[in-house]
Amino acid sequence: MKMRFALMFTFVVLTLGLASPAYAQEAAGAAIGVEVVRWSIITAGFALAIAATFGALSQAKGLSAAVEGIARNPAAANDIRGNLILGLVLIESLVIYVLLISLILFFIKPFGS
C-alpha cells in the first residue's frame, strides 16, 4: 500500500511539474535563450538526482542479495563476488552517463546561438 501511494504521489508531482510550463507566459524574444539554458540546467540537475538515487538503491539491493547468497553458499563466494562487481560497474556506468549528459547541458549552450 505504501509503495502504491509513493508511486501515485510521484506520478502526480511529475505530471503537475511537466504541465505547469504549458500555462506559462510567453517569454520575450531576448529571454528565450536564457529560459532554455535555465530549464536545461534544472532538467540536468533532476536527471542526475534521479539517476544517483535509483543507482544507489539498485546497488544496495544487489549488494544485499550477494551477501545473502554468500551467507547461504560460502563455496560460491568467488562466482557471486565476480558477478556482483560486474553488476555494480554496469549500474554505476549508467549514473556516469547521466553525469556526462548533465555536464554537457551545464557547460554547453543548448540549441544553438
N, C-alpha and C. Protein backbone atom coordinates (compact mmCIF):
# COMPACT_ATOMS: atom_id res chain seq x y z
N MET A 1 0.83 -1.20 0.00
CA MET A 1 0.00 0.00 0.00
C MET A 1 0.87 1.25 0.00
N LYS A 2 1.94 1.23 0.79
CA LYS A 2 2.83 2.40 0.84
C LYS A 2 3.51 2.62 -0.49
N MET A 3 3.90 1.52 -1.17
CA MET A 3 4.57 1.62 -2.45
C MET A 3 3.63 2.21 -3.49
N ARG A 4 2.38 1.78 -3.46
CA ARG A 4 1.39 2.31 -4.40
C ARG A 4 1.17 3.80 -4.16
N PHE A 5 1.10 4.20 -2.89
CA PHE A 5 0.94 5.62 -2.58
C PHE A 5 2.14 6.42 -3.05
N ALA A 6 3.34 5.88 -2.83
CA ALA A 6 4.55 6.58 -3.25
C ALA A 6 4.60 6.73 -4.77
N LEU A 7 4.23 5.68 -5.49
CA LEU A 7 4.21 5.78 -6.96
C LEU A 7 3.17 6.77 -7.44
N MET A 8 2.00 6.75 -6.82
CA MET A 8 0.95 7.68 -7.22
C MET A 8 1.36 9.12 -6.91
N PHE A 9 1.97 9.35 -5.76
CA PHE A 9 2.43 10.68 -5.40
C PHE A 9 3.49 11.17 -6.39
N THR A 10 4.43 10.30 -6.73
CA THR A 10 5.47 10.65 -7.69
C THR A 10 4.87 10.98 -9.04
N PHE A 11 3.90 10.19 -9.48
CA PHE A 11 3.24 10.43 -10.75
C PHE A 11 2.53 11.78 -10.76
N VAL A 12 1.83 12.11 -9.69
CA VAL A 12 1.10 13.38 -9.61
C VAL A 12 2.08 14.55 -9.62
N VAL A 13 3.17 14.45 -8.86
CA VAL A 13 4.15 15.53 -8.82
C VAL A 13 4.79 15.73 -10.18
N LEU A 14 5.15 14.64 -10.84
CA LEU A 14 5.76 14.76 -12.17
C LEU A 14 4.77 15.33 -13.18
N THR A 15 3.51 14.89 -13.10
CA THR A 15 2.50 15.41 -14.03
C THR A 15 2.29 16.90 -13.84
N LEU A 16 2.16 17.34 -12.60
CA LEU A 16 1.98 18.77 -12.35
C LEU A 16 3.23 19.56 -12.73
N GLY A 17 4.39 19.00 -12.47
CA GLY A 17 5.63 19.69 -12.81
C GLY A 17 5.84 19.83 -14.30
N LEU A 18 5.41 18.83 -15.06
CA LEU A 18 5.57 18.90 -16.51
C LEU A 18 4.47 19.72 -17.17
N ALA A 19 3.32 19.80 -16.54
CA ALA A 19 2.21 20.55 -17.13
C ALA A 19 2.29 22.04 -16.83
N SER A 20 2.95 22.44 -15.77
CA SER A 20 2.96 23.86 -15.40
C SER A 20 3.61 24.77 -16.43
N PRO A 21 4.68 24.38 -17.14
CA PRO A 21 5.22 25.29 -18.16
C PRO A 21 4.26 25.53 -19.32
N ALA A 22 3.29 24.66 -19.53
CA ALA A 22 2.34 24.84 -20.63
C ALA A 22 1.49 26.09 -20.42
N TYR A 23 1.28 26.49 -19.18
CA TYR A 23 0.46 27.65 -18.88
C TYR A 23 1.29 28.89 -18.59
N ALA A 24 2.56 28.81 -18.79
CA ALA A 24 3.43 29.95 -18.50
C ALA A 24 3.27 31.02 -19.57
N GLN A 25 3.61 32.24 -19.18
CA GLN A 25 3.54 33.36 -20.11
C GLN A 25 4.65 33.23 -21.14
N GLU A 26 4.37 33.66 -22.36
CA GLU A 26 5.35 33.59 -23.44
C GLU A 26 6.53 34.51 -23.11
N ALA A 27 7.73 34.00 -23.31
CA ALA A 27 8.93 34.77 -22.99
C ALA A 27 9.20 35.78 -24.10
N ALA A 28 9.89 36.85 -23.72
CA ALA A 28 10.29 37.86 -24.70
C ALA A 28 11.34 37.26 -25.63
N GLY A 29 11.57 37.89 -26.77
CA GLY A 29 12.49 37.36 -27.77
C GLY A 29 13.90 37.17 -27.25
N ALA A 30 14.43 38.12 -26.49
CA ALA A 30 15.81 38.02 -26.00
C ALA A 30 15.92 37.06 -24.82
N ALA A 31 14.84 36.84 -24.12
CA ALA A 31 14.89 36.00 -22.92
C ALA A 31 14.68 34.52 -23.23
N ILE A 32 14.38 34.18 -24.47
CA ILE A 32 14.16 32.78 -24.81
C ILE A 32 15.41 31.96 -24.56
N GLY A 33 16.57 32.48 -24.96
CA GLY A 33 17.82 31.76 -24.75
C GLY A 33 18.11 31.53 -23.28
N VAL A 34 17.80 32.54 -22.46
CA VAL A 34 18.03 32.41 -21.02
C VAL A 34 17.13 31.36 -20.42
N GLU A 35 15.88 31.31 -20.85
CA GLU A 35 14.94 30.32 -20.34
C GLU A 35 15.35 28.91 -20.74
N VAL A 36 15.83 28.74 -21.96
CA VAL A 36 16.26 27.41 -22.41
C VAL A 36 17.44 26.94 -21.57
N VAL A 37 18.38 27.83 -21.33
CA VAL A 37 19.55 27.47 -20.53
C VAL A 37 19.12 27.15 -19.09
N ARG A 38 18.23 27.96 -18.54
CA ARG A 38 17.76 27.73 -17.18
C ARG A 38 17.07 26.37 -17.06
N TRP A 39 16.18 26.06 -17.99
CA TRP A 39 15.47 24.79 -17.93
C TRP A 39 16.38 23.60 -18.22
N SER A 40 17.38 23.80 -19.06
CA SER A 40 18.31 22.69 -19.31
C SER A 40 19.13 22.39 -18.06
N ILE A 41 19.50 23.40 -17.30
CA ILE A 41 20.23 23.18 -16.05
C ILE A 41 19.34 22.51 -15.01
N ILE A 42 18.10 22.95 -14.91
CA ILE A 42 17.17 22.32 -13.96
C ILE A 42 16.92 20.87 -14.35
N THR A 43 16.73 20.62 -15.63
CA THR A 43 16.50 19.25 -16.10
C THR A 43 17.71 18.37 -15.83
N ALA A 44 18.90 18.90 -16.09
CA ALA A 44 20.11 18.12 -15.85
C ALA A 44 20.27 17.80 -14.36
N GLY A 45 19.96 18.75 -13.51
CA GLY A 45 20.05 18.52 -12.08
C GLY A 45 19.09 17.45 -11.61
N PHE A 46 17.84 17.51 -12.08
CA PHE A 46 16.87 16.50 -11.70
C PHE A 46 17.25 15.12 -12.25
N ALA A 47 17.73 15.09 -13.48
CA ALA A 47 18.13 13.80 -14.07
C ALA A 47 19.27 13.17 -13.27
N LEU A 48 20.23 13.99 -12.86
CA LEU A 48 21.35 13.46 -12.09
C LEU A 48 20.88 13.00 -10.71
N ALA A 49 19.99 13.74 -10.09
CA ALA A 49 19.49 13.34 -8.78
C ALA A 49 18.71 12.03 -8.85
N ILE A 50 17.88 11.89 -9.87
CA ILE A 50 17.10 10.66 -10.03
C ILE A 50 18.02 9.48 -10.33
N ALA A 51 18.98 9.69 -11.23
CA ALA A 51 19.90 8.59 -11.59
C ALA A 51 20.74 8.17 -10.39
N ALA A 52 21.22 9.12 -9.63
CA ALA A 52 22.04 8.78 -8.46
C ALA A 52 21.20 8.06 -7.40
N THR A 53 19.97 8.50 -7.21
CA THR A 53 19.10 7.87 -6.21
C THR A 53 18.81 6.42 -6.57
N PHE A 54 18.34 6.20 -7.79
CA PHE A 54 17.97 4.85 -8.16
C PHE A 54 19.21 3.97 -8.39
N GLY A 55 20.33 4.57 -8.79
CA GLY A 55 21.57 3.80 -8.89
C GLY A 55 22.02 3.31 -7.52
N ALA A 56 21.94 4.18 -6.54
CA ALA A 56 22.32 3.78 -5.18
C ALA A 56 21.38 2.72 -4.62
N LEU A 57 20.09 2.88 -4.87
CA LEU A 57 19.13 1.87 -4.39
C LEU A 57 19.37 0.51 -5.04
N SER A 58 19.64 0.51 -6.34
CA SER A 58 19.86 -0.77 -7.02
C SER A 58 21.18 -1.40 -6.60
N GLN A 59 22.20 -0.58 -6.34
CA GLN A 59 23.46 -1.13 -5.84
C GLN A 59 23.28 -1.73 -4.45
N ALA A 60 22.50 -1.08 -3.61
CA ALA A 60 22.25 -1.61 -2.27
C ALA A 60 21.49 -2.93 -2.35
N LYS A 61 20.51 -3.01 -3.23
CA LYS A 61 19.75 -4.26 -3.38
C LYS A 61 20.65 -5.37 -3.91
N GLY A 62 21.51 -5.06 -4.88
CA GLY A 62 22.43 -6.06 -5.41
C GLY A 62 23.43 -6.53 -4.37
N LEU A 63 23.96 -5.61 -3.59
CA LEU A 63 24.91 -5.97 -2.54
C LEU A 63 24.23 -6.83 -1.48
N SER A 64 23.01 -6.48 -1.13
CA SER A 64 22.27 -7.26 -0.14
C SER A 64 22.05 -8.69 -0.63
N ALA A 65 21.66 -8.83 -1.89
CA ALA A 65 21.42 -10.17 -2.44
C ALA A 65 22.72 -10.97 -2.52
N ALA A 66 23.83 -10.30 -2.86
CA ALA A 66 25.12 -11.00 -2.94
C ALA A 66 25.58 -11.48 -1.57
N VAL A 67 25.44 -10.64 -0.57
CA VAL A 67 25.84 -11.03 0.78
C VAL A 67 24.98 -12.19 1.27
N GLU A 68 23.69 -12.13 0.98
CA GLU A 68 22.81 -13.23 1.37
C GLU A 68 23.18 -14.52 0.64
N GLY A 69 23.51 -14.41 -0.64
CA GLY A 69 23.93 -15.59 -1.40
C GLY A 69 25.22 -16.19 -0.87
N ILE A 70 26.17 -15.35 -0.51
CA ILE A 70 27.43 -15.84 0.05
C ILE A 70 27.19 -16.48 1.41
N ALA A 71 26.29 -15.91 2.19
CA ALA A 71 25.98 -16.48 3.51
C ALA A 71 25.32 -17.85 3.37
N ARG A 72 24.51 -18.03 2.34
CA ARG A 72 23.83 -19.31 2.14
C ARG A 72 24.75 -20.36 1.53
N ASN A 73 25.67 -19.92 0.67
CA ASN A 73 26.55 -20.86 -0.02
C ASN A 73 27.96 -20.29 -0.07
N PRO A 74 28.75 -20.44 0.98
CA PRO A 74 30.10 -19.86 1.01
C PRO A 74 31.02 -20.40 -0.07
N ALA A 75 30.76 -21.60 -0.59
CA ALA A 75 31.61 -22.16 -1.62
C ALA A 75 31.51 -21.40 -2.94
N ALA A 76 30.41 -20.72 -3.16
CA ALA A 76 30.21 -19.96 -4.40
C ALA A 76 30.58 -18.50 -4.25
N ALA A 77 31.32 -18.16 -3.23
CA ALA A 77 31.63 -16.76 -2.94
C ALA A 77 32.38 -16.08 -4.09
N ASN A 78 33.33 -16.78 -4.71
CA ASN A 78 34.11 -16.16 -5.79
C ASN A 78 33.24 -15.86 -7.00
N ASP A 79 32.36 -16.78 -7.38
CA ASP A 79 31.47 -16.53 -8.51
C ASP A 79 30.49 -15.40 -8.22
N ILE A 80 29.94 -15.40 -7.02
CA ILE A 80 28.99 -14.35 -6.64
C ILE A 80 29.69 -13.00 -6.61
N ARG A 81 30.91 -12.96 -6.07
CA ARG A 81 31.65 -11.71 -5.97
C ARG A 81 31.95 -11.14 -7.37
N GLY A 82 32.33 -12.01 -8.29
CA GLY A 82 32.61 -11.55 -9.66
C GLY A 82 31.38 -10.97 -10.33
N ASN A 83 30.25 -11.67 -10.20
CA ASN A 83 29.01 -11.16 -10.78
C ASN A 83 28.55 -9.87 -10.09
N LEU A 84 28.78 -9.77 -8.79
CA LEU A 84 28.42 -8.56 -8.06
C LEU A 84 29.21 -7.36 -8.57
N ILE A 85 30.51 -7.54 -8.73
CA ILE A 85 31.35 -6.43 -9.19
C ILE A 85 30.95 -6.01 -10.60
N LEU A 86 30.69 -6.98 -11.48
CA LEU A 86 30.25 -6.65 -12.83
C LEU A 86 28.93 -5.88 -12.81
N GLY A 87 27.98 -6.33 -11.99
CA GLY A 87 26.70 -5.64 -11.89
C GLY A 87 26.84 -4.23 -11.35
N LEU A 88 27.67 -4.06 -10.32
CA LEU A 88 27.87 -2.72 -9.75
C LEU A 88 28.53 -1.78 -10.75
N VAL A 89 29.46 -2.30 -11.53
CA VAL A 89 30.12 -1.47 -12.55
C VAL A 89 29.12 -1.03 -13.61
N LEU A 90 28.25 -1.93 -14.04
CA LEU A 90 27.27 -1.57 -15.05
C LEU A 90 26.25 -0.56 -14.52
N ILE A 91 25.83 -0.72 -13.28
CA ILE A 91 24.89 0.24 -12.68
C ILE A 91 25.56 1.61 -12.56
N GLU A 92 26.79 1.62 -12.10
CA GLU A 92 27.49 2.90 -11.92
C GLU A 92 27.76 3.57 -13.26
N SER A 93 27.97 2.78 -14.32
CA SER A 93 28.22 3.38 -15.63
C SER A 93 26.99 4.15 -16.12
N LEU A 94 25.80 3.66 -15.79
CA LEU A 94 24.60 4.39 -16.18
C LEU A 94 24.52 5.75 -15.49
N VAL A 95 24.90 5.79 -14.23
CA VAL A 95 24.90 7.07 -13.49
C VAL A 95 25.96 8.00 -14.07
N ILE A 96 27.10 7.45 -14.46
CA ILE A 96 28.16 8.28 -15.05
C ILE A 96 27.73 8.83 -16.40
N TYR A 97 26.95 8.06 -17.18
CA TYR A 97 26.43 8.59 -18.44
C TYR A 97 25.50 9.77 -18.20
N VAL A 98 24.66 9.68 -17.19
CA VAL A 98 23.78 10.81 -16.86
C VAL A 98 24.60 12.01 -16.40
N LEU A 99 25.66 11.76 -15.63
CA LEU A 99 26.55 12.85 -15.21
C LEU A 99 27.18 13.52 -16.43
N LEU A 100 27.60 12.74 -17.40
CA LEU A 100 28.20 13.30 -18.61
C LEU A 100 27.21 14.18 -19.36
N ILE A 101 25.99 13.69 -19.52
CA ILE A 101 24.97 14.48 -20.20
C ILE A 101 24.64 15.74 -19.41
N SER A 102 24.60 15.64 -18.09
CA SER A 102 24.33 16.81 -17.26
C SER A 102 25.44 17.84 -17.40
N LEU A 103 26.68 17.41 -17.41
CA LEU A 103 27.79 18.34 -17.59
C LEU A 103 27.74 19.00 -18.95
N ILE A 104 27.35 18.27 -19.97
CA ILE A 104 27.20 18.86 -21.29
C ILE A 104 26.13 19.94 -21.26
N LEU A 105 25.00 19.66 -20.60
CA LEU A 105 23.94 20.67 -20.52
C LEU A 105 24.34 21.86 -19.66
N PHE A 106 25.19 21.64 -18.65
CA PHE A 106 25.64 22.75 -17.81
C PHE A 106 26.56 23.70 -18.56
N PHE A 107 27.48 23.17 -19.34
CA PHE A 107 28.56 23.99 -19.87
C PHE A 107 28.47 24.31 -21.35
N ILE A 108 27.60 23.66 -22.09
CA ILE A 108 27.42 23.96 -23.50
C ILE A 108 26.04 24.55 -23.67
N LYS A 109 25.98 25.70 -24.33
CA LYS A 109 24.69 26.35 -24.52
C LYS A 109 23.87 25.52 -25.51
N PRO A 110 22.75 24.97 -25.05
CA PRO A 110 21.98 24.09 -25.93
C PRO A 110 21.20 24.84 -27.01
N PHE A 111 20.90 24.16 -28.07
CA PHE A 111 20.03 24.64 -29.12
C PHE A 111 20.58 25.89 -29.81
N GLY A 112 21.87 25.89 -30.11
CA GLY A 112 22.46 26.95 -30.91
C GLY A 112 22.59 28.29 -30.22
N SER A 113 22.82 29.31 -31.02
CA SER A 113 23.08 30.72 -30.61
C SER A 113 23.46 30.79 -29.21
